[in-house]
Amino acid sequence: MSTCCLLAVAVVVGVAYIFRHIVVKGKRCTSEAKLHGKTVIVTGSNTGIGKTTAIDLAKRGARVILACRSRQRGEAALEEVKRESNSNQVVFMQLDLGSLKSVHSFADTFLKSEPRLDILINNAGIYMQGRTEDGLGMMFGVNHIGHFLLTNLLLERLKQCGPSRVVNVSSLGHNFGKIDFDSLNTHKALGLGTSFWEVFQTYCDSKLCNVLFTHELAKILQGSKVTCYSLHPGAINTELARNTSSVLQLCLKPLTTYFFKNTVQGCQTTLHCALQEGLEPFSGRYFSNCTVREVYDKAKDDAAAKKLWELSERLCGLA
C-alpha cells in the first residue's frame, strides 16, 4: 500500500476515533447531588436511557418510580434497577401514555400513595404511526399529550415540594418539526403518512411539541418553585426504533453501534437538567450535551406554544 493510502487510512481512523470519543461520548453530568428523601418519576424507564437514568437517581438515594406501559418489562426493569443501584427505594407503577384513562389512573395512584414529587422526568417516546385508544395520532398522543396530561395532574404536588423540576426529553429532530394545527384540529394527529420520511417528519413534529410545551410551561410556573427544561439526549443506541422495519434496523446497526451514544452517555443531559445546581434562571430552555442551547424561532414561538397548550388542554379534557 502506498504512503498516501496509508496516510489517508490513518486520517480516517483518527477522525473516527475523535468523533466517537469526543463528539459522540459528550459531556457528563458533574452534579454530586444526593437525593435521600426525594421522589422522582421516570417515564419509559424499563429500557434505554430511562432505565439508566433511574439507576443513577436510585444510586443517589432517591425514591424512584418506574412509570412504564408493560407490566412484564417494567417488573423486570424494577429488579434490575434495584440490583444495579443497590436500593430498595424503587417502585414500578403501570402507565400507558397512549391512554388518557391510564394517565389519570397512574396520577391518582401516585398522589394517594406517595407524599412527595421532586423531579418528573418525561422520558418515554415512541417512533411509529397509528392511533391511541383515544383516537389521537400515536406519536402526538404518547410523545406529547400523555406527558402534557401527566405533568398537569402532578403539578400541584410538584409545587408543594418545591424546589422541584420537570424534565422533558425531546430531540435534535425538533429542528425539523412543524406544528400543523389544521391536521391536529381535523385528525387529532400531526401527520397521517406512513412512508419513511412522513413517519420521521411526524416524530420530529412531536419533539417540537415537547420543546414548545416546556417553553409555555415555564411561563405558567413563574412565581412558583418549579422549573422545567427540555433536552436533546444525543443520538442513542436504544430501542426507540424497535417498531421500524427489520431491514432498516439491520442497515443502521453498524452506524448505531459505532457512532451513537450508549445509554450511560445518553442520559447525562437528562441528569444535568434534573440535578445541576443553579439552572433555575434557565427554566423553559433547551439543553444539549449538558449545555443550554439556542433554538430556532419556531421552537420559542409564544403564540404557537400557547395555541398548542390550549389545544392540548381540550384534547385531554382539562379545558
C-alpha atoms as a PDB file:
ATOM      1  CA  MET A   1       0.000   0.000   0.000  1.00  0.00           C
ATOM      2  CA  SER A   2       1.378   3.423  -0.925  1.00  0.00           C
ATOM      3  CA  THR A   3       2.383   6.014   1.644  1.00  0.00           C
ATOM      4  CA  CYS A   4      -0.503   8.251   0.532  1.00  0.00           C
ATOM      5  CA  CYS A   5      -3.022   5.455   1.042  1.00  0.00           C
ATOM      6  CA  LEU A   6      -1.609   4.650   4.479  1.00  0.00           C
ATOM      7  CA  LEU A   7      -1.774   8.328   5.402  1.00  0.00           C
ATOM      8  CA  ALA A   8      -5.392   8.563   4.201  1.00  0.00           C
ATOM      9  CA  VAL A   9      -6.368   5.493   6.252  1.00  0.00           C
ATOM     10  CA  ALA A  10      -4.644   6.940   9.319  1.00  0.00           C
ATOM     11  CA  VAL A  11      -6.526  10.228   8.917  1.00  0.00           C
ATOM     12  CA  VAL A  12      -9.884   8.440   8.562  1.00  0.00           C
ATOM     13  CA  VAL A  13      -9.198   6.261  11.617  1.00  0.00           C
ATOM     14  CA  GLY A  14      -8.080   9.300  13.588  1.00  0.00           C
ATOM     15  CA  VAL A  15     -11.148  11.317  12.675  1.00  0.00           C
ATOM     16  CA  ALA A  16     -13.409   8.370  13.514  1.00  0.00           C
ATOM     17  CA  TYR A  17     -11.683   7.978  16.889  1.00  0.00           C
ATOM     18  CA  ILE A  18     -12.050  11.671  17.697  1.00  0.00           C
ATOM     19  CA  PHE A  19     -15.685  11.660  16.618  1.00  0.00           C
ATOM     20  CA  ARG A  20     -16.532   8.612  18.684  1.00  0.00           C
ATOM     21  CA  HIS A  21     -14.627   9.520  21.844  1.00  0.00           C
ATOM     22  CA  ILE A  22     -15.116  13.287  21.913  1.00  0.00           C
ATOM     23  CA  VAL A  23     -18.161  14.226  19.830  1.00  0.00           C
ATOM     24  CA  VAL A  24     -20.245  11.091  20.408  1.00  0.00           C
ATOM     25  CA  LYS A  25     -19.260  10.490  24.015  1.00  0.00           C
ATOM     26  CA  GLY A  26     -20.156  14.049  25.021  1.00  0.00           C
ATOM     27  CA  LYS A  27     -20.067  15.767  28.395  1.00  0.00           C
ATOM     28  CA  ARG A  28     -21.054  14.178  31.677  1.00  0.00           C
ATOM     29  CA  CYS A  29     -23.316  15.499  34.388  1.00  0.00           C
ATOM     30  CA  THR A  30     -20.997  16.839  37.086  1.00  0.00           C
ATOM     31  CA  SER A  31     -23.573  17.223  39.850  1.00  0.00           C
ATOM     32  CA  GLU A  32     -22.791  15.276  43.006  1.00  0.00           C
ATOM     33  CA  ALA A  33     -26.269  15.900  44.429  1.00  0.00           C
ATOM     34  CA  LYS A  34     -27.651  13.303  46.828  1.00  0.00           C
ATOM     35  CA  LEU A  35     -31.379  12.668  46.713  1.00  0.00           C
ATOM     36  CA  HIS A  36     -32.226  11.000  50.017  1.00  0.00           C
ATOM     37  CA  GLY A  37     -35.811  11.880  50.905  1.00  0.00           C
ATOM     38  CA  LYS A  38     -36.595  12.945  47.316  1.00  0.00           C
ATOM     39  CA  THR A  39     -39.024  11.219  44.938  1.00  0.00           C
ATOM     40  CA  VAL A  40     -38.570  11.025  41.179  1.00  0.00           C
ATOM     41  CA  ILE A  41     -40.812   9.703  38.399  1.00  0.00           C
ATOM     42  CA  VAL A  42     -39.144   8.496  35.191  1.00  0.00           C
ATOM     43  CA  THR A  43     -41.481   7.531  32.349  1.00  0.00           C
ATOM     44  CA  GLY A  44     -40.347   4.863  29.922  1.00  0.00           C
ATOM     45  CA  SER A  45     -37.800   3.629  32.444  1.00  0.00           C
ATOM     46  CA  ASN A  46     -37.944  -0.061  31.585  1.00  0.00           C
ATOM     47  CA  THR A  47     -35.353   0.367  28.828  1.00  0.00           C
ATOM     48  CA  GLY A  48     -32.750   2.643  27.275  1.00  0.00           C
ATOM     49  CA  ILE A  49     -31.741   5.965  28.793  1.00  0.00           C
ATOM     50  CA  GLY A  50     -34.836   5.947  31.002  1.00  0.00           C
ATOM     51  CA  LYS A  51     -33.647   2.848  32.845  1.00  0.00           C
ATOM     52  CA  THR A  52     -30.087   4.135  33.085  1.00  0.00           C
ATOM     53  CA  THR A  53     -31.381   7.462  34.409  1.00  0.00           C
ATOM     54  CA  ALA A  54     -33.422   5.609  37.033  1.00  0.00           C
ATOM     55  CA  ILE A  55     -30.381   3.606  38.144  1.00  0.00           C
ATOM     56  CA  ASP A  56     -28.300   6.754  38.598  1.00  0.00           C
ATOM     57  CA  LEU A  57     -31.014   8.535  40.589  1.00  0.00           C
ATOM     58  CA  ALA A  58     -31.589   5.488  42.794  1.00  0.00           C
ATOM     59  CA  LYS A  59     -27.840   5.321  43.492  1.00  0.00           C
ATOM     60  CA  ARG A  60     -28.086   8.908  44.737  1.00  0.00           C
ATOM     61  CA  GLY A  61     -30.714   7.867  47.279  1.00  0.00           C
ATOM     62  CA  ALA A  62     -33.904   8.935  45.515  1.00  0.00           C
ATOM     63  CA  ARG A  63     -37.155   7.043  45.716  1.00  0.00           C
ATOM     64  CA  VAL A  64     -37.650   6.253  42.027  1.00  0.00           C
ATOM     65  CA  ILE A  65     -40.971   5.472  40.387  1.00  0.00           C
ATOM     66  CA  LEU A  66     -40.610   3.458  37.172  1.00  0.00           C
ATOM     67  CA  ALA A  67     -43.610   4.541  35.081  1.00  0.00           C
ATOM     68  CA  CYS A  68     -43.889   2.015  32.240  1.00  0.00           C
ATOM     69  CA  ARG A  69     -46.595   0.649  29.952  1.00  0.00           C
ATOM     70  CA  SER A  70     -45.643  -3.037  30.009  1.00  0.00           C
ATOM     71  CA  ARG A  71     -46.038  -4.694  33.392  1.00  0.00           C
ATOM     72  CA  GLN A  72     -43.768  -7.593  32.402  1.00  0.00           C
ATOM     73  CA  ARG A  73     -40.956  -5.350  31.142  1.00  0.00           C
ATOM     74  CA  GLY A  74     -41.499  -2.874  33.971  1.00  0.00           C
ATOM     75  CA  GLU A  75     -41.218  -5.500  36.685  1.00  0.00           C
ATOM     76  CA  ALA A  76     -38.099  -6.948  35.038  1.00  0.00           C
ATOM     77  CA  ALA A  77     -36.590  -3.450  34.961  1.00  0.00           C
ATOM     78  CA  LEU A  78     -37.576  -2.974  38.602  1.00  0.00           C
ATOM     79  CA  GLU A  79     -35.412  -5.895  39.662  1.00  0.00           C
ATOM     80  CA  GLU A  80     -32.520  -4.718  37.507  1.00  0.00           C
ATOM     81  CA  VAL A  81     -32.658  -1.122  38.774  1.00  0.00           C
ATOM     82  CA  LYS A  82     -32.787  -2.339  42.385  1.00  0.00           C
ATOM     83  CA  ARG A  83     -29.848  -4.647  41.787  1.00  0.00           C
ATOM     84  CA  GLU A  84     -27.687  -2.143  39.897  1.00  0.00           C
ATOM     85  CA  SER A  85     -28.367   0.702  42.334  1.00  0.00           C
ATOM     86  CA  ASN A  86     -28.335  -1.428  45.481  1.00  0.00           C
ATOM     87  CA  SER A  87     -31.525   0.344  46.531  1.00  0.00           C
ATOM     88  CA  ASN A  88     -34.937  -0.894  47.587  1.00  0.00           C
ATOM     89  CA  GLN A  89     -36.449   2.564  47.125  1.00  0.00           C
ATOM     90  CA  VAL A  90     -37.598   1.736  43.598  1.00  0.00           C
ATOM     91  CA  VAL A  91     -41.232   1.150  42.661  1.00  0.00           C
ATOM     92  CA  PHE A  92     -42.972   0.102  39.443  1.00  0.00           C
ATOM     93  CA  MET A  93     -46.270   1.784  38.565  1.00  0.00           C
ATOM     94  CA  GLN A  94     -48.036   0.995  35.323  1.00  0.00           C
ATOM     95  CA  LEU A  95     -48.526   3.920  32.947  1.00  0.00           C
ATOM     96  CA  ASP A  96     -49.708   3.807  29.328  1.00  0.00           C
ATOM     97  CA  LEU A  97     -49.170   7.283  27.891  1.00  0.00           C
ATOM     98  CA  GLY A  98     -51.326   6.305  24.918  1.00  0.00           C
ATOM     99  CA  SER A  99     -54.367   6.100  27.207  1.00  0.00           C
ATOM    100  CA  LEU A 100     -55.757   9.174  28.944  1.00  0.00           C
ATOM    101  CA  LYS A 101     -57.585   6.823  31.331  1.00  0.00           C
ATOM    102  CA  SER A 102     -54.276   5.174  32.255  1.00  0.00           C
ATOM    103  CA  VAL A 103     -52.601   8.551  32.836  1.00  0.00           C
ATOM    104  CA  HIS A 104     -55.415   9.582  35.188  1.00  0.00           C
ATOM    105  CA  SER A 105     -55.226   6.223  36.978  1.00  0.00           C
ATOM    106  CA  PHE A 106     -51.456   6.498  37.396  1.00  0.00           C
ATOM    107  CA  ALA A 107     -51.709  10.036  38.760  1.00  0.00           C
ATOM    108  CA  ASP A 108     -54.478   9.052  41.187  1.00  0.00           C
ATOM    109  CA  THR A 109     -52.486   6.063  42.458  1.00  0.00           C
ATOM    110  CA  PHE A 110     -49.314   8.082  42.796  1.00  0.00           C
ATOM    111  CA  LEU A 111     -50.923  11.020  44.610  1.00  0.00           C
ATOM    112  CA  LYS A 112     -52.644   8.686  47.078  1.00  0.00           C
ATOM    113  CA  SER A 113     -49.572   6.564  47.815  1.00  0.00           C
ATOM    114  CA  GLU A 114     -46.622   8.955  47.557  1.00  0.00           C
ATOM    115  CA  PRO A 115     -46.377  12.141  49.658  1.00  0.00           C
ATOM    116  CA  ARG A 116     -43.632  13.788  47.582  1.00  0.00           C
ATOM    117  CA  LEU A 117     -42.684  14.524  43.998  1.00  0.00           C
ATOM    118  CA  ASP A 118     -39.439  16.396  43.480  1.00  0.00           C
ATOM    119  CA  ILE A 119     -38.479  15.572  39.889  1.00  0.00           C
ATOM    120  CA  LEU A 120     -40.686  14.468  36.982  1.00  0.00           C
ATOM    121  CA  ILE A 121     -38.727  13.142  34.009  1.00  0.00           C
ATOM    122  CA  ASN A 122     -40.898  12.795  30.909  1.00  0.00           C
ATOM    123  CA  ASN A 123     -38.572  10.421  29.096  1.00  0.00           C
ATOM    124  CA  ALA A 124     -40.803   7.929  27.245  1.00  0.00           C
ATOM    125  CA  GLY A 125     -41.045   8.176  23.489  1.00  0.00           C
ATOM    126  CA  ILE A 126     -42.321   6.166  20.567  1.00  0.00           C
ATOM    127  CA  TYR A 127     -41.462   6.098  16.855  1.00  0.00           C
ATOM    128  CA  MET A 128     -44.412   4.628  14.990  1.00  0.00           C
ATOM    129  CA  GLN A 129     -47.635   5.647  13.332  1.00  0.00           C
ATOM    130  CA  GLY A 130     -51.078   4.521  14.440  1.00  0.00           C
ATOM    131  CA  ARG A 131     -53.782   5.687  16.822  1.00  0.00           C
ATOM    132  CA  THR A 132     -54.051   5.745  20.584  1.00  0.00           C
ATOM    133  CA  GLU A 133     -57.126   4.319  22.282  1.00  0.00           C
ATOM    134  CA  ASP A 134     -58.434   7.895  22.483  1.00  0.00           C
ATOM    135  CA  GLY A 135     -58.151   8.370  18.714  1.00  0.00           C
ATOM    136  CA  LEU A 136     -55.070  10.575  18.761  1.00  0.00           C
ATOM    137  CA  GLY A 137     -52.146  10.161  16.409  1.00  0.00           C
ATOM    138  CA  MET A 138     -49.812   7.717  18.166  1.00  0.00           C
ATOM    139  CA  MET A 139     -46.690   9.884  18.340  1.00  0.00           C
ATOM    140  CA  PHE A 140     -48.660  13.018  19.171  1.00  0.00           C
ATOM    141  CA  GLY A 141     -50.602  11.127  21.837  1.00  0.00           C
ATOM    142  CA  VAL A 142     -47.700   9.312  23.502  1.00  0.00           C
ATOM    143  CA  ASN A 143     -44.804  11.724  22.980  1.00  0.00           C
ATOM    144  CA  HIS A 144     -46.756  14.873  23.818  1.00  0.00           C
ATOM    145  CA  ILE A 145     -50.347  14.606  25.066  1.00  0.00           C
ATOM    146  CA  GLY A 146     -49.707  11.810  27.573  1.00  0.00           C
ATOM    147  CA  HIS A 147     -46.859  13.736  29.169  1.00  0.00           C
ATOM    148  CA  PHE A 148     -48.788  17.004  28.979  1.00  0.00           C
ATOM    149  CA  LEU A 149     -51.669  15.491  30.938  1.00  0.00           C
ATOM    150  CA  LEU A 150     -49.395  13.693  33.398  1.00  0.00           C
ATOM    151  CA  THR A 151     -47.468  16.881  34.160  1.00  0.00           C
ATOM    152  CA  ASN A 152     -50.631  18.902  34.723  1.00  0.00           C
ATOM    153  CA  LEU A 153     -52.137  16.272  37.019  1.00  0.00           C
ATOM    154  CA  LEU A 154     -48.980  16.242  39.147  1.00  0.00           C
ATOM    155  CA  LEU A 155     -48.221  19.960  39.065  1.00  0.00           C
ATOM    156  CA  GLU A 156     -49.712  20.823  42.460  1.00  0.00           C
ATOM    157  CA  ARG A 157     -47.651  18.117  44.156  1.00  0.00           C
ATOM    158  CA  LEU A 158     -44.524  19.428  42.442  1.00  0.00           C
ATOM    159  CA  LYS A 159     -45.349  22.936  43.685  1.00  0.00           C
ATOM    160  CA  GLN A 160     -45.881  21.687  47.231  1.00  0.00           C
ATOM    161  CA  CYS A 161     -42.461  20.014  47.215  1.00  0.00           C
ATOM    162  CA  GLY A 162     -40.504  22.829  45.577  1.00  0.00           C
ATOM    163  CA  PRO A 163     -37.879  23.496  44.567  1.00  0.00           C
ATOM    164  CA  SER A 164     -38.728  20.817  42.014  1.00  0.00           C
ATOM    165  CA  ARG A 165     -38.179  20.188  38.322  1.00  0.00           C
ATOM    166  CA  VAL A 166     -39.868  18.869  35.186  1.00  0.00           C
ATOM    167  CA  VAL A 167     -37.520  17.458  32.557  1.00  0.00           C
ATOM    168  CA  ASN A 168     -38.876  16.807  29.050  1.00  0.00           C
ATOM    169  CA  VAL A 169     -36.727  14.599  26.810  1.00  0.00           C
ATOM    170  CA  SER A 170     -37.036  15.960  23.285  1.00  0.00           C
ATOM    171  CA  SER A 171     -34.639  15.553  20.352  1.00  0.00           C
ATOM    172  CA  LEU A 172     -32.470  17.450  17.920  1.00  0.00           C
ATOM    173  CA  GLY A 173     -35.164  16.347  15.481  1.00  0.00           C
ATOM    174  CA  HIS A 174     -37.379  19.145  16.765  1.00  0.00           C
ATOM    175  CA  ASN A 175     -35.376  21.418  14.437  1.00  0.00           C
ATOM    176  CA  PHE A 176     -37.055  19.671  11.500  1.00  0.00           C
ATOM    177  CA  GLY A 177     -40.501  19.742  13.102  1.00  0.00           C
ATOM    178  CA  LYS A 178     -43.579  21.810  12.392  1.00  0.00           C
ATOM    179  CA  ILE A 179     -46.974  22.028  14.058  1.00  0.00           C
ATOM    180  CA  ASP A 180     -49.851  21.542  11.616  1.00  0.00           C
ATOM    181  CA  PHE A 181     -52.743  22.878  13.675  1.00  0.00           C
ATOM    182  CA  ASP A 182     -55.196  22.178  10.862  1.00  0.00           C
ATOM    183  CA  SER A 183     -54.234  18.492  10.957  1.00  0.00           C
ATOM    184  CA  LEU A 184     -54.459  18.457  14.753  1.00  0.00           C
ATOM    185  CA  ASN A 185     -57.913  20.017  14.739  1.00  0.00           C
ATOM    186  CA  THR A 186     -59.204  17.814  11.930  1.00  0.00           C
ATOM    187  CA  HIS A 187     -57.441  14.490  12.520  1.00  0.00           C
ATOM    188  CA  LYS A 188     -56.035  14.809  16.069  1.00  0.00           C
ATOM    189  CA  ALA A 189     -52.696  13.874  14.544  1.00  0.00           C
ATOM    190  CA  LEU A 190     -49.535  15.673  13.474  1.00  0.00           C
ATOM    191  CA  GLY A 191     -49.383  13.683  10.258  1.00  0.00           C
ATOM    192  CA  LEU A 192     -51.039  10.705   8.616  1.00  0.00           C
ATOM    193  CA  GLY A 193     -48.410   9.487   6.158  1.00  0.00           C
ATOM    194  CA  THR A 194     -46.729   6.106   6.531  1.00  0.00           C
ATOM    195  CA  SER A 195     -43.666   6.457   4.289  1.00  0.00           C
ATOM    196  CA  PHE A 196     -40.234   6.579   5.917  1.00  0.00           C
ATOM    197  CA  TRP A 197     -39.933  10.342   5.557  1.00  0.00           C
ATOM    198  CA  GLU A 198     -43.520  11.022   6.616  1.00  0.00           C
ATOM    199  CA  VAL A 199     -43.084   8.981   9.802  1.00  0.00           C
ATOM    200  CA  PHE A 200     -39.781  10.739  10.506  1.00  0.00           C
ATOM    201  CA  GLN A 201     -41.475  14.113   9.982  1.00  0.00           C
ATOM    202  CA  THR A 202     -44.255  13.214  12.420  1.00  0.00           C
ATOM    203  CA  TYR A 203     -41.679  12.159  15.012  1.00  0.00           C
ATOM    204  CA  CYS A 204     -39.850  15.475  14.607  1.00  0.00           C
ATOM    205  CA  ASP A 205     -43.161  17.317  14.923  1.00  0.00           C
ATOM    206  CA  SER A 206     -43.854  15.546  18.225  1.00  0.00           C
ATOM    207  CA  LYS A 207     -40.405  16.528  19.503  1.00  0.00           C
ATOM    208  CA  LEU A 208     -41.114  20.169  18.620  1.00  0.00           C
ATOM    209  CA  CYS A 209     -44.263  19.811  20.732  1.00  0.00           C
ATOM    210  CA  ASN A 210     -42.010  18.837  23.682  1.00  0.00           C
ATOM    211  CA  VAL A 211     -39.925  21.998  23.323  1.00  0.00           C
ATOM    212  CA  LEU A 212     -42.950  24.284  22.904  1.00  0.00           C
ATOM    213  CA  PHE A 213     -44.677  22.615  25.864  1.00  0.00           C
ATOM    214  CA  THR A 214     -41.625  23.331  28.019  1.00  0.00           C
ATOM    215  CA  HIS A 215     -41.492  26.927  26.782  1.00  0.00           C
ATOM    216  CA  GLU A 216     -45.114  27.585  27.757  1.00  0.00           C
ATOM    217  CA  LEU A 217     -44.917  25.579  30.994  1.00  0.00           C
ATOM    218  CA  ALA A 218     -42.071  27.802  32.215  1.00  0.00           C
ATOM    219  CA  LYS A 219     -44.287  30.855  31.796  1.00  0.00           C
ATOM    220  CA  ILE A 220     -47.131  29.252  33.710  1.00  0.00           C
ATOM    221  CA  LEU A 221     -44.740  28.241  36.501  1.00  0.00           C
ATOM    222  CA  GLN A 222     -43.308  31.722  37.004  1.00  0.00           C
ATOM    223  CA  GLY A 223     -43.543  32.653  40.664  1.00  0.00           C
ATOM    224  CA  SER A 224     -43.532  29.021  41.786  1.00  0.00           C
ATOM    225  CA  LYS A 225     -40.572  26.924  42.860  1.00  0.00           C
ATOM    226  CA  VAL A 226     -40.980  24.546  39.919  1.00  0.00           C
ATOM    227  CA  THR A 227     -38.711  24.864  36.892  1.00  0.00           C
ATOM    228  CA  CYS A 228     -38.695  22.927  33.634  1.00  0.00           C
ATOM    229  CA  TYR A 229     -36.255  22.049  30.876  1.00  0.00           C
ATOM    230  CA  SER A 230     -36.280  20.266  27.518  1.00  0.00           C
ATOM    231  CA  LEU A 231     -33.294  18.482  26.044  1.00  0.00           C
ATOM    232  CA  HIS A 232     -31.663  16.517  23.280  1.00  0.00           C
ATOM    233  CA  PRO A 233     -30.001  13.418  24.785  1.00  0.00           C
ATOM    234  CA  GLY A 234     -27.846  12.759  21.732  1.00  0.00           C
ATOM    235  CA  ALA A 235     -28.109  10.010  19.142  1.00  0.00           C
ATOM    236  CA  ILE A 236     -28.609   6.968  21.351  1.00  0.00           C
ATOM    237  CA  ASN A 237     -28.225   3.288  20.566  1.00  0.00           C
ATOM    238  CA  THR A 238     -31.535   2.240  22.190  1.00  0.00           C
ATOM    239  CA  GLU A 239     -34.810   0.517  21.337  1.00  0.00           C
ATOM    240  CA  LEU A 240     -36.625   3.681  20.178  1.00  0.00           C
ATOM    241  CA  ALA A 241     -36.724   2.447  16.568  1.00  0.00           C
ATOM    242  CA  ARG A 242     -37.831  -1.079  17.525  1.00  0.00           C
ATOM    243  CA  ASN A 243     -41.112  -0.540  15.653  1.00  0.00           C
ATOM    244  CA  THR A 244     -39.383   0.347  12.359  1.00  0.00           C
ATOM    245  CA  SER A 245     -38.733  -2.249   9.666  1.00  0.00           C
ATOM    246  CA  SER A 246     -36.229  -5.014  10.408  1.00  0.00           C
ATOM    247  CA  VAL A 247     -34.371  -4.184   7.175  1.00  0.00           C
ATOM    248  CA  LEU A 248     -33.863  -0.569   8.297  1.00  0.00           C
ATOM    249  CA  GLN A 249     -32.719  -1.695  11.744  1.00  0.00           C
ATOM    250  CA  LEU A 250     -30.208  -4.082  10.159  1.00  0.00           C
ATOM    251  CA  CYS A 251     -28.846  -1.369   7.872  1.00  0.00           C
ATOM    252  CA  LEU A 252     -28.454   1.067  10.756  1.00  0.00           C
ATOM    253  CA  LYS A 253     -26.802  -1.427  13.115  1.00  0.00           C
ATOM    254  CA  PRO A 254     -23.156  -0.630  12.208  1.00  0.00           C
ATOM    255  CA  LEU A 255     -23.876   3.109  12.411  1.00  0.00           C
ATOM    256  CA  THR A 256     -25.684   2.965  15.741  1.00  0.00           C
ATOM    257  CA  THR A 257     -23.123   0.628  17.294  1.00  0.00           C
ATOM    258  CA  TYR A 258     -20.105   2.765  16.477  1.00  0.00           C
ATOM    259  CA  PHE A 259     -21.331   6.343  16.211  1.00  0.00           C
ATOM    260  CA  PHE A 260     -24.267   6.512  18.639  1.00  0.00           C
ATOM    261  CA  LYS A 261     -24.023   7.038  22.390  1.00  0.00           C
ATOM    262  CA  ASN A 262     -24.637   4.220  24.803  1.00  0.00           C
ATOM    263  CA  THR A 263     -27.292   4.710  27.456  1.00  0.00           C
ATOM    264  CA  VAL A 264     -24.886   5.919  30.156  1.00  0.00           C
ATOM    265  CA  GLN A 265     -23.576   8.628  27.826  1.00  0.00           C
ATOM    266  CA  GLY A 266     -27.091   9.328  26.583  1.00  0.00           C
ATOM    267  CA  CYS A 267     -28.647  10.032  29.978  1.00  0.00           C
ATOM    268  CA  GLN A 268     -26.116  12.678  31.027  1.00  0.00           C
ATOM    269  CA  THR A 269     -28.066  15.713  29.803  1.00  0.00           C
ATOM    270  CA  THR A 270     -31.223  14.384  31.453  1.00  0.00           C
ATOM    271  CA  LEU A 271     -29.316  14.087  34.726  1.00  0.00           C
ATOM    272  CA  HIS A 272     -27.826  17.548  34.229  1.00  0.00           C
ATOM    273  CA  CYS A 273     -31.271  19.114  33.805  1.00  0.00           C
ATOM    274  CA  ALA A 274     -32.647  17.183  36.769  1.00  0.00           C
ATOM    275  CA  LEU A 275     -29.787  17.762  39.195  1.00  0.00           C
ATOM    276  CA  GLN A 276     -27.385  20.529  38.265  1.00  0.00           C
ATOM    277  CA  GLU A 277     -27.367  23.375  40.744  1.00  0.00           C
ATOM    278  CA  GLY A 278     -28.126  26.902  39.508  1.00  0.00           C
ATOM    279  CA  LEU A 279     -30.264  26.088  36.461  1.00  0.00           C
ATOM    280  CA  GLU A 280     -33.341  27.958  37.728  1.00  0.00           C
ATOM    281  CA  PRO A 281     -32.699  31.064  35.554  1.00  0.00           C
ATOM    282  CA  PHE A 282     -32.803  28.780  32.500  1.00  0.00           C
ATOM    283  CA  SER A 283     -36.318  27.426  33.127  1.00  0.00           C
ATOM    284  CA  GLY A 284     -38.058  26.751  29.827  1.00  0.00           C
ATOM    285  CA  ARG A 285     -34.801  26.478  27.910  1.00  0.00           C
ATOM    286  CA  TYR A 286     -33.450  23.671  25.744  1.00  0.00           C
ATOM    287  CA  PHE A 287     -30.265  21.745  26.571  1.00  0.00           C
ATOM    288  CA  SER A 288     -27.913  19.526  24.599  1.00  0.00           C
ATOM    289  CA  ASN A 289     -24.644  17.934  25.744  1.00  0.00           C
ATOM    290  CA  CYS A 290     -25.218  19.296  29.268  1.00  0.00           C
ATOM    291  CA  THR A 291     -25.275  22.856  27.906  1.00  0.00           C
ATOM    292  CA  VAL A 292     -28.094  25.339  27.347  1.00  0.00           C
ATOM    293  CA  ARG A 293     -28.622  25.940  23.623  1.00  0.00           C
ATOM    294  CA  GLU A 294     -30.365  28.496  21.481  1.00  0.00           C
ATOM    295  CA  VAL A 295     -33.286  27.226  19.413  1.00  0.00           C
ATOM    296  CA  TYR A 296     -34.887  28.367  16.179  1.00  0.00           C
ATOM    297  CA  ASP A 297     -37.681  30.906  16.438  1.00  0.00           C
ATOM    298  CA  LYS A 298     -40.321  28.227  15.798  1.00  0.00           C
ATOM    299  CA  ALA A 299     -39.247  26.417  18.985  1.00  0.00           C
ATOM    300  CA  LYS A 300     -39.782  29.514  21.163  1.00  0.00           C
ATOM    301  CA  ASP A 301     -42.790  30.983  19.371  1.00  0.00           C
ATOM    302  CA  ASP A 302     -45.023  32.349  22.135  1.00  0.00           C
ATOM    303  CA  ALA A 303     -48.199  32.237  20.044  1.00  0.00           C
ATOM    304  CA  ALA A 304     -47.615  28.671  18.812  1.00  0.00           C
ATOM    305  CA  ALA A 305     -46.728  27.459  22.320  1.00  0.00           C
ATOM    306  CA  LYS A 306     -49.883  28.974  23.793  1.00  0.00           C
ATOM    307  CA  LYS A 307     -52.030  27.626  20.942  1.00  0.00           C
ATOM    308  CA  LEU A 308     -50.571  24.126  21.412  1.00  0.00           C
ATOM    309  CA  TRP A 309     -51.185  24.336  25.169  1.00  0.00           C
ATOM    310  CA  GLU A 310     -54.838  25.295  24.715  1.00  0.00           C
ATOM    311  CA  LEU A 311     -55.392  22.617  22.065  1.00  0.00           C
ATOM    312  CA  SER A 312     -53.730  20.029  24.307  1.00  0.00           C
ATOM    313  CA  GLU A 313     -55.985  21.011  27.210  1.00  0.00           C
ATOM    314  CA  ARG A 314     -59.052  20.410  25.047  1.00  0.00           C
ATOM    315  CA  LEU A 315     -57.831  17.090  23.674  1.00  0.00           C
ATOM    316  CA  CYS A 316     -57.055  15.627  27.093  1.00  0.00           C
ATOM    317  CA  GLY A 317     -60.149  17.042  28.786  1.00  0.00           C
ATOM    318  CA  LEU A 318     -58.530  19.657  31.011  1.00  0.00           C
ATOM    319  CA  ALA A 319     -60.299  22.627  29.389  1.00  0.00           C
END
